[in-house]
Amino acid sequence: PWKGERLELPPGFAPDLGWIGVEHIRF
């Protein structure tokens, strides 16, 4: 399986993001 991560939104690297929620990514 591809490696991945789970992040909460907005993420620390983009605190100005207007979205609230969660992100899942697969590399």
mmCIF file of all heavy atoms, coordinates in Angstrom:
data_MODEL
# 
_entry.id   MODEL 
# 
loop_
_atom_site.group_PDB 
_atom_site.id 
_atom_site.type_symbol 
_atom_site.label_atom_id 
_atom_site.label_alt_id 
_atom_site.label_comp_id 
_atom_site.label_asym_id 
_atom_site.label_entity_id 
_atom_site.label_seq_id 
_atom_site.pdbx_PDB_ins_code 
_atom_site.Cartn_x 
_atom_site.Cartn_y 
_atom_site.Cartn_z 
_atom_site.occupancy 
_atom_site.B_iso_or_equiv 
_atom_site.pdbx_formal_charge 
_atom_site.auth_seq_id 
_atom_site.auth_comp_id 
_atom_site.auth_asym_id 
_atom_site.auth_atom_id 
_atom_site.pdbx_PDB_model_num 
ATOM 1   N N   . PRO A 1 1  ? 0.825   -1.210 0.000  1.00 0.00 ? 1  PRO A N   1 
ATOM 2   C CA  . PRO A 1 1  ? 0.000   0.000  0.000  1.00 0.00 ? 1  PRO A CA  1 
ATOM 3   C C   . PRO A 1 1  ? 0.854   1.253  0.000  1.00 0.00 ? 1  PRO A C   1 
ATOM 4   O O   . PRO A 1 1  ? 1.950   1.276  0.553  1.00 0.00 ? 1  PRO A O   1 
ATOM 5   C CB  . PRO A 1 1  ? -0.804  -0.138 1.297  1.00 0.00 ? 1  PRO A CB  1 
ATOM 6   C CG  . PRO A 1 1  ? 0.002   -1.050 2.165  1.00 0.00 ? 1  PRO A CG  1 
ATOM 7   C CD  . PRO A 1 1  ? 0.687   -2.000 1.236  1.00 0.00 ? 1  PRO A CD  1 
ATOM 8   N N   . TRP A 1 2  ? 0.342   2.297  -0.648 1.00 0.00 ? 2  TRP A N   1 
ATOM 9   C CA  . TRP A 1 2  ? 1.061   3.567  -0.660 1.00 0.00 ? 2  TRP A CA  1 
ATOM 10  C C   . TRP A 1 2  ? 1.077   4.170  0.734  1.00 0.00 ? 2  TRP A C   1 
ATOM 11  O O   . TRP A 1 2  ? 0.089   4.104  1.471  1.00 0.00 ? 2  TRP A O   1 
ATOM 12  C CB  . TRP A 1 2  ? 0.381   4.551  -1.612 1.00 0.00 ? 2  TRP A CB  1 
ATOM 13  C CG  . TRP A 1 2  ? 0.521   4.213  -3.065 1.00 0.00 ? 2  TRP A CG  1 
ATOM 14  C CD1 . TRP A 1 2  ? 1.006   3.054  -3.596 1.00 0.00 ? 2  TRP A CD1 1 
ATOM 15  C CD2 . TRP A 1 2  ? 0.154   5.041  -4.165 1.00 0.00 ? 2  TRP A CD2 1 
ATOM 16  N NE1 . TRP A 1 2  ? 0.969   3.102  -4.968 1.00 0.00 ? 2  TRP A NE1 1 
ATOM 17  C CE2 . TRP A 1 2  ? 0.450   4.313  -5.350 1.00 0.00 ? 2  TRP A CE2 1 
ATOM 18  C CE3 . TRP A 1 2  ? -0.396  6.310  -4.276 1.00 0.00 ? 2  TRP A CE3 1 
ATOM 19  C CZ2 . TRP A 1 2  ? 0.223   4.840  -6.618 1.00 0.00 ? 2  TRP A CZ2 1 
ATOM 20  C CZ3 . TRP A 1 2  ? -0.633  6.835  -5.536 1.00 0.00 ? 2  TRP A CZ3 1 
ATOM 21  C CH2 . TRP A 1 2  ? -0.320  6.110  -6.693 1.00 0.00 ? 2  TRP A CH2 1 
ATOM 22  N N   . LYS A 1 3  ? 2.200   4.770  1.085  1.00 0.00 ? 3  LYS A N   1 
ATOM 23  C CA  . LYS A 1 3  ? 2.298   5.456  2.374  1.00 0.00 ? 3  LYS A CA  1 
ATOM 24  C C   . LYS A 1 3  ? 1.422   6.708  2.367  1.00 0.00 ? 3  LYS A C   1 
ATOM 25  O O   . LYS A 1 3  ? 1.111   7.260  1.308  1.00 0.00 ? 3  LYS A O   1 
ATOM 26  C CB  . LYS A 1 3  ? 3.757   5.839  2.660  1.00 0.00 ? 3  LYS A CB  1 
ATOM 27  C CG  . LYS A 1 3  ? 4.685   4.660  2.895  1.00 0.00 ? 3  LYS A CG  1 
ATOM 28  C CD  . LYS A 1 3  ? 6.105   5.138  3.178  1.00 0.00 ? 3  LYS A CD  1 
ATOM 29  C CE  . LYS A 1 3  ? 7.001   3.985  3.620  1.00 0.00 ? 3  LYS A CE  1 
ATOM 30  N NZ  . LYS A 1 3  ? 7.180   2.989  2.563  1.00 0.00 ? 3  LYS A NZ  1 
ATOM 31  N N   . GLY A 1 4  ? 1.038   7.145  3.559  1.00 0.00 ? 4  GLY A N   1 
ATOM 32  C CA  . GLY A 1 4  ? 0.188   8.320  3.626  1.00 0.00 ? 4  GLY A CA  1 
ATOM 33  C C   . GLY A 1 4  ? 0.191   8.964  4.982  1.00 0.00 ? 4  GLY A C   1 
ATOM 34  O O   . GLY A 1 4  ? 0.904   8.542  5.902  1.00 0.00 ? 4  GLY A O   1 
ATOM 35  N N   . GLU A 1 5  ? -0.624  10.000 5.119  1.00 0.00 ? 5  GLU A N   1 
ATOM 36  C CA  . GLU A 1 5  ? -0.734  10.760 6.352  1.00 0.00 ? 5  GLU A CA  1 
ATOM 37  C C   . GLU A 1 5  ? -2.173  11.218 6.545  1.00 0.00 ? 5  GLU A C   1 
ATOM 38  O O   . GLU A 1 5  ? -2.942  11.324 5.582  1.00 0.00 ? 5  GLU A O   1 
ATOM 39  C CB  . GLU A 1 5  ? 0.179   11.995 6.323  1.00 0.00 ? 5  GLU A CB  1 
ATOM 40  C CG  . GLU A 1 5  ? 1.658   11.694 6.217  1.00 0.00 ? 5  GLU A CG  1 
ATOM 41  C CD  . GLU A 1 5  ? 2.242   11.102 7.494  1.00 0.00 ? 5  GLU A CD  1 
ATOM 42  O OE1 . GLU A 1 5  ? 1.587   11.168 8.547  1.00 0.00 ? 5  GLU A OE1 1 
ATOM 43  O OE2 . GLU A 1 5  ? 3.368   10.552 7.416  1.00 0.00 ? 5  GLU A OE2 1 
ATOM 44  N N   . ARG A 1 6  ? -2.514  11.515 7.780  1.00 0.00 ? 6  ARG A N   1 
ATOM 45  C CA  . ARG A 1 6  ? -3.777  12.167 8.137  1.00 0.00 ? 6  ARG A CA  1 
ATOM 46  C C   . ARG A 1 6  ? -3.448  13.505 8.783  1.00 0.00 ? 6  ARG A C   1 
ATOM 47  O O   . ARG A 1 6  ? -2.634  13.569 9.717  1.00 0.00 ? 6  ARG A O   1 
ATOM 48  C CB  . ARG A 1 6  ? -4.572  11.308 9.116  1.00 0.00 ? 6  ARG A CB  1 
ATOM 49  C CG  . ARG A 1 6  ? -5.838  11.995 9.655  1.00 0.00 ? 6  ARG A CG  1 
ATOM 50  C CD  . ARG A 1 6  ? -6.430  11.240 10.847 1.00 0.00 ? 6  ARG A CD  1 
ATOM 51  N NE  . ARG A 1 6  ? -7.613  11.900 11.368 1.00 0.00 ? 6  ARG A NE  1 
ATOM 52  C CZ  . ARG A 1 6  ? -7.599  12.889 12.259 1.00 0.00 ? 6  ARG A CZ  1 
ATOM 53  N NH1 . ARG A 1 6  ? -6.448  13.365 12.720 1.00 0.00 ? 6  ARG A NH1 1 
ATOM 54  N NH2 . ARG A 1 6  ? -8.733  13.420 12.685 1.00 0.00 ? 6  ARG A NH2 1 
ATOM 55  N N   . LEU A 1 7  ? -4.076  14.575 8.311  1.00 0.00 ? 7  LEU A N   1 
ATOM 56  C CA  . LEU A 1 7  ? -3.875  15.903 8.877  1.00 0.00 ? 7  LEU A CA  1 
ATOM 57  C C   . LEU A 1 7  ? -5.230  16.522 9.213  1.00 0.00 ? 7  LEU A C   1 
ATOM 58  O O   . LEU A 1 7  ? -6.208  16.308 8.493  1.00 0.00 ? 7  LEU A O   1 
ATOM 59  C CB  . LEU A 1 7  ? -3.161  16.841 7.884  1.00 0.00 ? 7  LEU A CB  1 
ATOM 60  C CG  . LEU A 1 7  ? -1.857  16.385 7.250  1.00 0.00 ? 7  LEU A CG  1 
ATOM 61  C CD1 . LEU A 1 7  ? -1.330  17.482 6.326  1.00 0.00 ? 7  LEU A CD1 1 
ATOM 62  C CD2 . LEU A 1 7  ? -0.825  16.064 8.307  1.00 0.00 ? 7  LEU A CD2 1 
ATOM 63  N N   . GLU A 1 8  ? -5.257  17.305 10.266 1.00 0.00 ? 8  GLU A N   1 
ATOM 64  C CA  . GLU A 1 8  ? -6.448  18.093 10.554 1.00 0.00 ? 8  GLU A CA  1 
ATOM 65  C C   . GLU A 1 8  ? -6.327  19.441 9.858  1.00 0.00 ? 8  GLU A C   1 
ATOM 66  O O   . GLU A 1 8  ? -5.232  19.974 9.671  1.00 0.00 ? 8  GLU A O   1 
ATOM 67  C CB  . GLU A 1 8  ? -6.626  18.262 12.070 1.00 0.00 ? 8  GLU A CB  1 
ATOM 68  C CG  . GLU A 1 8  ? -6.954  16.943 12.753 1.00 0.00 ? 8  GLU A CG  1 
ATOM 69  C CD  . GLU A 1 8  ? -7.340  17.101 14.210 1.00 0.00 ? 8  GLU A CD  1 
ATOM 70  O OE1 . GLU A 1 8  ? -7.484  18.243 14.672 1.00 0.00 ? 8  GLU A OE1 1 
ATOM 71  O OE2 . GLU A 1 8  ? -7.507  16.071 14.881 1.00 0.00 ? 8  GLU A OE2 1 
ATOM 72  N N   . LEU A 1 9  ? -7.479  19.977 9.475  1.00 0.00 ? 9  LEU A N   1 
ATOM 73  C CA  . LEU A 1 9  ? -7.533  21.242 8.751  1.00 0.00 ? 9  LEU A CA  1 
ATOM 74  C C   . LEU A 1 9  ? -8.133  22.334 9.633  1.00 0.00 ? 9  LEU A C   1 
ATOM 75  O O   . LEU A 1 9  ? -9.121  22.094 10.321 1.00 0.00 ? 9  LEU A O   1 
ATOM 76  C CB  . LEU A 1 9  ? -8.389  21.087 7.488  1.00 0.00 ? 9  LEU A CB  1 
ATOM 77  C CG  . LEU A 1 9  ? -7.966  19.998 6.504  1.00 0.00 ? 9  LEU A CG  1 
ATOM 78  C CD1 . LEU A 1 9  ? -8.995  19.890 5.378  1.00 0.00 ? 9  LEU A CD1 1 
ATOM 79  C CD2 . LEU A 1 9  ? -6.588  20.282 5.935  1.00 0.00 ? 9  LEU A CD2 1 
ATOM 80  N N   . PRO A 1 10 ? -7.556  23.544 9.586  1.00 0.00 ? 10 PRO A N   1 
ATOM 81  C CA  . PRO A 1 10 ? -6.402  23.915 8.763  1.00 0.00 ? 10 PRO A CA  1 
ATOM 82  C C   . PRO A 1 10 ? -5.110  23.336 9.328  1.00 0.00 ? 10 PRO A C   1 
ATOM 83  O O   . PRO A 1 10 ? -4.957  23.247 10.546 1.00 0.00 ? 10 PRO A O   1 
ATOM 84  C CB  . PRO A 1 10 ? -6.393  25.453 8.843  1.00 0.00 ? 10 PRO A CB  1 
ATOM 85  C CG  . PRO A 1 10 ? -7.054  25.761 10.144 1.00 0.00 ? 10 PRO A CG  1 
ATOM 86  C CD  . PRO A 1 10 ? -8.096  24.688 10.332 1.00 0.00 ? 10 PRO A CD  1 
ATOM 87  N N   . PRO A 1 11 ? -4.167  22.979 8.450  1.00 0.00 ? 11 PRO A N   1 
ATOM 88  C CA  . PRO A 1 11 ? -2.904  22.393 8.919  1.00 0.00 ? 11 PRO A CA  1 
ATOM 89  C C   . PRO A 1 11 ? -1.973  23.465 9.453  1.00 0.00 ? 11 PRO A C   1 
ATOM 90  O O   . PRO A 1 11 ? -2.128  24.654 9.170  1.00 0.00 ? 11 PRO A O   1 
ATOM 91  C CB  . PRO A 1 11 ? -2.339  21.755 7.646  1.00 0.00 ? 11 PRO A CB  1 
ATOM 92  C CG  . PRO A 1 11 ? -2.862  22.620 6.552  1.00 0.00 ? 11 PRO A CG  1 
ATOM 93  C CD  . PRO A 1 11 ? -4.229  23.082 6.991  1.00 0.00 ? 11 PRO A CD  1 
ATOM 94  N N   . GLY A 1 12 ? -0.981  23.037 10.220 1.00 0.00 ? 12 GLY A N   1 
ATOM 95  C CA  . GLY A 1 12 ? -0.041  23.983 10.797 1.00 0.00 ? 12 GLY A CA  1 
ATOM 96  C C   . GLY A 1 12 ? 0.708   24.802 9.776  1.00 0.00 ? 12 GLY A C   1 
ATOM 97  O O   . GLY A 1 12 ? 1.060   25.957 10.036 1.00 0.00 ? 12 GLY A O   1 
ATOM 98  N N   . PHE A 1 13 ? 0.939   24.232 8.585  1.00 0.00 ? 13 PHE A N   1 
ATOM 99  C CA  . PHE A 1 13 ? 1.695   24.975 7.580  1.00 0.00 ? 13 PHE A CA  1 
ATOM 100 C C   . PHE A 1 13 ? 0.843   25.984 6.819  1.00 0.00 ? 13 PHE A C   1 
ATOM 101 O O   . PHE A 1 13 ? 1.376   26.802 6.072  1.00 0.00 ? 13 PHE A O   1 
ATOM 102 C CB  . PHE A 1 13 ? 2.400   24.019 6.600  1.00 0.00 ? 13 PHE A CB  1 
ATOM 103 C CG  . PHE A 1 13 ? 1.491   23.056 5.887  1.00 0.00 ? 13 PHE A CG  1 
ATOM 104 C CD1 . PHE A 1 13 ? 0.690   23.461 4.832  1.00 0.00 ? 13 PHE A CD1 1 
ATOM 105 C CD2 . PHE A 1 13 ? 1.453   21.719 6.261  1.00 0.00 ? 13 PHE A CD2 1 
ATOM 106 C CE1 . PHE A 1 13 ? -0.138  22.579 4.171  1.00 0.00 ? 13 PHE A CE1 1 
ATOM 107 C CE2 . PHE A 1 13 ? 0.624   20.818 5.605  1.00 0.00 ? 13 PHE A CE2 1 
ATOM 108 C CZ  . PHE A 1 13 ? -0.172  21.244 4.561  1.00 0.00 ? 13 PHE A CZ  1 
ATOM 109 N N   . ALA A 1 14 ? -0.488  25.911 6.988  1.00 0.00 ? 14 ALA A N   1 
ATOM 110 C CA  . ALA A 1 14 ? -1.384  26.852 6.300  1.00 0.00 ? 14 ALA A CA  1 
ATOM 111 C C   . ALA A 1 14 ? -2.517  27.260 7.239  1.00 0.00 ? 14 ALA A C   1 
ATOM 112 O O   . ALA A 1 14 ? -3.682  26.928 7.002  1.00 0.00 ? 14 ALA A O   1 
ATOM 113 C CB  . ALA A 1 14 ? -1.932  26.248 5.013  1.00 0.00 ? 14 ALA A CB  1 
ATOM 114 N N   . PRO A 1 15 ? -2.195  27.979 8.313  1.00 0.00 ? 15 PRO A N   1 
ATOM 115 C CA  . PRO A 1 15 ? -3.225  28.324 9.300  1.00 0.00 ? 15 PRO A CA  1 
ATOM 116 C C   . PRO A 1 15 ? -4.310  29.240 8.762  1.00 0.00 ? 15 PRO A C   1 
ATOM 117 O O   . PRO A 1 15 ? -5.378  29.342 9.366  1.00 0.00 ? 15 PRO A O   1 
ATOM 118 C CB  . PRO A 1 15 ? -2.420  29.004 10.416 1.00 0.00 ? 15 PRO A CB  1 
ATOM 119 C CG  . PRO A 1 15 ? -1.183  29.506 9.743  1.00 0.00 ? 15 PRO A CG  1 
ATOM 120 C CD  . PRO A 1 15 ? -0.862  28.489 8.690  1.00 0.00 ? 15 PRO A CD  1 
ATOM 121 N N   . ASP A 1 16 ? -4.050  29.916 7.641  1.00 0.00 ? 16 ASP A N   1 
ATOM 122 C CA  . ASP A 1 16 ? -5.052  30.808 7.047  1.00 0.00 ? 16 ASP A CA  1 
ATOM 123 C C   . ASP A 1 16 ? -6.048  30.072 6.159  1.00 0.00 ? 16 ASP A C   1 
ATOM 124 O O   . ASP A 1 16 ? -6.959  30.701 5.610  1.00 0.00 ? 16 ASP A O   1 
ATOM 125 C CB  . ASP A 1 16 ? -4.363  31.902 6.225  1.00 0.00 ? 16 ASP A CB  1 
ATOM 126 C CG  . ASP A 1 16 ? -3.543  32.847 7.096  1.00 0.00 ? 16 ASP A CG  1 
ATOM 127 O OD1 . ASP A 1 16 ? -3.863  32.960 8.292  1.00 0.00 ? 16 ASP A OD1 1 
ATOM 128 O OD2 . ASP A 1 16 ? -2.593  33.462 6.581  1.00 0.00 ? 16 ASP A OD2 1 
ATOM 129 N N   . LEU A 1 17 ? -5.884  28.771 6.007  1.00 0.00 ? 17 LEU A N   1 
ATOM 130 C CA  . LEU A 1 17 ? -6.833  28.004 5.205  1.00 0.00 ? 17 LEU A CA  1 
ATOM 131 C C   . LEU A 1 17 ? -8.233  28.158 5.778  1.00 0.00 ? 17 LEU A C   1 
ATOM 132 O O   . LEU A 1 17 ? -8.439  28.058 6.997  1.00 0.00 ? 17 LEU A O   1 
ATOM 133 C CB  . LEU A 1 17 ? -6.427  26.524 5.200  1.00 0.00 ? 17 LEU A CB  1 
ATOM 134 C CG  . LEU A 1 17 ? -7.184  25.616 4.228  1.00 0.00 ? 17 LEU A CG  1 
ATOM 135 C CD1 . LEU A 1 17 ? -6.734  25.865 2.796  1.00 0.00 ? 17 LEU A CD1 1 
ATOM 136 C CD2 . LEU A 1 17 ? -6.980  24.145 4.599  1.00 0.00 ? 17 LEU A CD2 1 
ATOM 137 N N   . GLY A 1 18 ? -9.206  28.399 4.909  1.00 0.00 ? 18 GLY A N   1 
ATOM 138 C CA  . GLY A 1 18 ? -10.574 28.615 5.352  1.00 0.00 ? 18 GLY A CA  1 
ATOM 139 C C   . GLY A 1 18 ? -11.368 27.351 5.564  1.00 0.00 ? 18 GLY A C   1 
ATOM 140 O O   . GLY A 1 18 ? -12.567 27.420 5.864  1.00 0.00 ? 18 GLY A O   1 
ATOM 141 N N   . TRP A 1 19 ? -10.758 26.200 5.389  1.00 0.00 ? 19 TRP A N   1 
ATOM 142 C CA  . TRP A 1 19 ? -11.449 24.927 5.523  1.00 0.00 ? 19 TRP A CA  1 
ATOM 143 C C   . TRP A 1 19 ? -11.200 24.315 6.894  1.00 0.00 ? 19 TRP A C   1 
ATOM 144 O O   . TRP A 1 19 ? -10.072 24.350 7.411  1.00 0.00 ? 19 TRP A O   1 
ATOM 145 C CB  . TRP A 1 19 ? -10.982 23.939 4.460  1.00 0.00 ? 19 TRP A CB  1 
ATOM 146 C CG  . TRP A 1 19 ? -11.485 24.243 3.082  1.00 0.00 ? 19 TRP A CG  1 
ATOM 147 C CD1 . TRP A 1 19 ? -12.495 25.096 2.738  1.00 0.00 ? 19 TRP A CD1 1 
ATOM 148 C CD2 . TRP A 1 19 ? -11.004 23.667 1.854  1.00 0.00 ? 19 TRP A CD2 1 
ATOM 149 N NE1 . TRP A 1 19 ? -12.674 25.087 1.379  1.00 0.00 ? 19 TRP A NE1 1 
ATOM 150 C CE2 . TRP A 1 19 ? -11.782 24.233 0.806  1.00 0.00 ? 19 TRP A CE2 1 
ATOM 151 C CE3 . TRP A 1 19 ? -10.019 22.753 1.541  1.00 0.00 ? 19 TRP A CE3 1 
ATOM 152 C CZ2 . TRP A 1 19 ? -11.577 23.894 -0.530 1.00 0.00 ? 19 TRP A CZ2 1 
ATOM 153 C CZ3 . TRP A 1 19 ? -9.807  22.398 0.218  1.00 0.00 ? 19 TRP A CZ3 1 
ATOM 154 C CH2 . TRP A 1 19 ? -10.592 22.971 -0.809 1.00 0.00 ? 19 TRP A CH2 1 
ATOM 155 N N   . ILE A 1 20 ? -12.242 23.728 7.464  1.00 0.00 ? 20 ILE A N   1 
ATOM 156 C CA  . ILE A 1 20 ? -12.145 22.950 8.694  1.00 0.00 ? 20 ILE A CA  1 
ATOM 157 C C   . ILE A 1 20 ? -12.566 21.528 8.369  1.00 0.00 ? 20 ILE A C   1 
ATOM 158 O O   . ILE A 1 20 ? -13.580 21.295 7.712  1.00 0.00 ? 20 ILE A O   1 
ATOM 159 C CB  . ILE A 1 20 ? -13.041 23.537 9.798  1.00 0.00 ? 20 ILE A CB  1 
ATOM 160 C CG1 . ILE A 1 20 ? -12.565 24.942 10.180 1.00 0.00 ? 20 ILE A CG1 1 
ATOM 161 C CG2 . ILE A 1 20 ? -13.061 22.628 11.026 1.00 0.00 ? 20 ILE A CG2 1 
ATOM 162 C CD1 . ILE A 1 20 ? -13.475 25.657 11.150 1.00 0.00 ? 20 ILE A CD1 1 
ATOM 163 N N   . GLY A 1 21 ? -11.759 20.588 8.801  1.00 0.00 ? 21 GLY A N   1 
ATOM 164 C CA  . GLY A 1 21 ? -12.070 19.200 8.512  1.00 0.00 ? 21 GLY A CA  1 
ATOM 165 C C   . GLY A 1 21 ? -10.835 18.339 8.673  1.00 0.00 ? 21 GLY A C   1 
ATOM 166 O O   . GLY A 1 21 ? -10.015 18.562 9.566  1.00 0.00 ? 21 GLY A O   1 
ATOM 167 N N   . VAL A 1 22 ? -10.712 17.350 7.794  1.00 0.00 ? 22 VAL A N   1 
ATOM 168 C CA  . VAL A 1 22 ? -9.598  16.416 7.867  1.00 0.00 ? 22 VAL A CA  1 
ATOM 169 C C   . VAL A 1 22 ? -9.130  16.073 6.459  1.00 0.00 ? 22 VAL A C   1 
ATOM 170 O O   . VAL A 1 22 ? -9.909  16.100 5.499  1.00 0.00 ? 22 VAL A O   1 
ATOM 171 C CB  . VAL A 1 22 ? -10.013 15.143 8.646  1.00 0.00 ? 22 VAL A CB  1 
ATOM 172 C CG1 . VAL A 1 22 ? -11.095 14.382 7.900  1.00 0.00 ? 22 VAL A CG1 1 
ATOM 173 C CG2 . VAL A 1 22 ? -8.822  14.252 8.931  1.00 0.00 ? 22 VAL A CG2 1 
ATOM 174 N N   . GLU A 1 23 ? -7.854  15.778 6.358  1.00 0.00 ? 23 GLU A N   1 
ATOM 175 C CA  . GLU A 1 23 ? -7.224  15.404 5.083  1.00 0.00 ? 23 GLU A CA  1 
ATOM 176 C C   . GLU A 1 23 ? -6.560  14.045 5.229  1.00 0.00 ? 23 GLU A C   1 
ATOM 177 O O   . GLU A 1 23 ? -5.904  13.775 6.239  1.00 0.00 ? 23 GLU A O   1 
ATOM 178 C CB  . GLU A 1 23 ? -6.180  16.452 4.711  1.00 0.00 ? 23 GLU A CB  1 
ATOM 179 C CG  . GLU A 1 23 ? -5.135  16.002 3.706  1.00 0.00 ? 23 GLU A CG  1 
ATOM 180 C CD  . GLU A 1 23 ? -3.923  16.926 3.663  1.00 0.00 ? 23 GLU A CD  1 
ATOM 181 O OE1 . GLU A 1 23 ? -4.051  18.120 3.973  1.00 0.00 ? 23 GLU A OE1 1 
ATOM 182 O OE2 . GLU A 1 23 ? -2.830  16.429 3.301  1.00 0.00 ? 23 GLU A OE2 1 
ATOM 183 N N   . HIS A 1 24 ? -6.721  13.214 4.206  1.00 0.00 ? 24 HIS A N   1 
ATOM 184 C CA  . HIS A 1 24 ? -5.952  11.975 4.101  1.00 0.00 ? 24 HIS A CA  1 
ATOM 185 C C   . HIS A 1 24 ? -5.258  11.992 2.745  1.00 0.00 ? 24 HIS A C   1 
ATOM 186 O O   . HIS A 1 24 ? -5.866  12.344 1.730  1.00 0.00 ? 24 HIS A O   1 
ATOM 187 C CB  . HIS A 1 24 ? -6.858  10.750 4.202  1.00 0.00 ? 24 HIS A CB  1 
ATOM 188 C CG  . HIS A 1 24 ? -7.346  10.461 5.582  1.00 0.00 ? 24 HIS A CG  1 
ATOM 189 N ND1 . HIS A 1 24 ? -6.903  9.379  6.319  1.00 0.00 ? 24 HIS A ND1 1 
ATOM 190 C CD2 . HIS A 1 24 ? -8.235  11.110 6.377  1.00 0.00 ? 24 HIS A CD2 1 
ATOM 191 C CE1 . HIS A 1 24 ? -7.508  9.375  7.495  1.00 0.00 ? 24 HIS A CE1 1 
ATOM 192 N NE2 . HIS A 1 24 ? -8.319  10.421 7.555  1.00 0.00 ? 24 HIS A NE2 1 
ATOM 193 N N   . ILE A 1 25 ? -3.991  11.574 2.719  1.00 0.00 ? 25 ILE A N   1 
ATOM 194 C CA  . ILE A 1 25 ? -3.201  11.616 1.494  1.00 0.00 ? 25 ILE A CA  1 
ATOM 195 C C   . ILE A 1 25 ? -2.482  10.289 1.312  1.00 0.00 ? 25 ILE A C   1 
ATOM 196 O O   . ILE A 1 25 ? -2.106  9.632  2.301  1.00 0.00 ? 25 ILE A O   1 
ATOM 197 C CB  . ILE A 1 25 ? -2.186  12.792 1.540  1.00 0.00 ? 25 ILE A CB  1 
ATOM 198 C CG1 . ILE A 1 25 ? -1.478  12.976 0.201  1.00 0.00 ? 25 ILE A CG1 1 
ATOM 199 C CG2 . ILE A 1 25 ? -1.192  12.624 2.674  1.00 0.00 ? 25 ILE A CG2 1 
ATOM 200 C CD1 . ILE A 1 25 ? -0.662  14.268 0.121  1.00 0.00 ? 25 ILE A CD1 1 
ATOM 201 N N   . ARG A 1 26 ? -2.328  9.870  0.056  1.00 0.00 ? 26 ARG A N   1 
ATOM 202 C CA  . ARG A 1 26 ? -1.555  8.674  -0.267 1.00 0.00 ? 26 ARG A CA  1 
ATOM 203 C C   . ARG A 1 26 ? -0.529  9.050  -1.337 1.00 0.00 ? 26 ARG A C   1 
ATOM 204 O O   . ARG A 1 26 ? -0.877  9.584  -2.390 1.00 0.00 ? 26 ARG A O   1 
ATOM 205 C CB  . ARG A 1 26 ? -2.458  7.549  -0.780 1.00 0.00 ? 26 ARG A CB  1 
ATOM 206 C CG  . ARG A 1 26 ? -3.426  7.020  0.280  1.00 0.00 ? 26 ARG A CG  1 
ATOM 207 C CD  . ARG A 1 26 ? -2.730  6.349  1.436  1.00 0.00 ? 26 ARG A CD  1 
ATOM 208 N NE  . ARG A 1 26 ? -3.672  5.822  2.413  1.00 0.00 ? 26 ARG A NE  1 
ATOM 209 C CZ  . ARG A 1 26 ? -4.142  6.486  3.462  1.00 0.00 ? 26 ARG A CZ  1 
ATOM 210 N NH1 . ARG A 1 26 ? -3.768  7.748  3.651  1.00 0.00 ? 26 ARG A NH1 1 
ATOM 211 N NH2 . ARG A 1 26 ? -4.978  5.919  4.310  1.00 0.00 ? 26 ARG A NH2 1 
ATOM 212 N N   . PHE A 1 27 ? 0.752   8.743  -1.033 1.00 0.00 ? 27 PHE A N   1 
ATOM 213 C CA  . PHE A 1 27 ? 1.867   9.105  -1.904 1.00 0.00 ? 27 PHE A CA  1 
ATOM 214 C C   . PHE A 1 27 ? 2.233   7.967  -2.850 1.00 0.00 ? 27 PHE A C   1 
ATOM 215 O O   . PHE A 1 27 ? 2.385   6.823  -2.414 1.00 0.00 ? 27 PHE A O   1 
ATOM 216 C CB  . PHE A 1 27 ? 3.114   9.433  -1.074 1.00 0.00 ? 27 PHE A CB  1 
ATOM 217 C CG  . PHE A 1 27 ? 2.910   10.489 -0.026 1.00 0.00 ? 27 PHE A CG  1 
ATOM 218 C CD1 . PHE A 1 27 ? 3.119   10.197 1.319  1.00 0.00 ? 27 PHE A CD1 1 
ATOM 219 C CD2 . PHE A 1 27 ? 2.540   11.773 -0.376 1.00 0.00 ? 27 PHE A CD2 1 
ATOM 220 C CE1 . PHE A 1 27 ? 2.961   11.163 2.294  1.00 0.00 ? 27 PHE A CE1 1 
ATOM 221 C CE2 . PHE A 1 27 ? 2.379   12.749 0.590  1.00 0.00 ? 27 PHE A CE2 1 
ATOM 222 C CZ  . PHE A 1 27 ? 2.579   12.448 1.927  1.00 0.00 ? 27 PHE A CZ  1 
# 
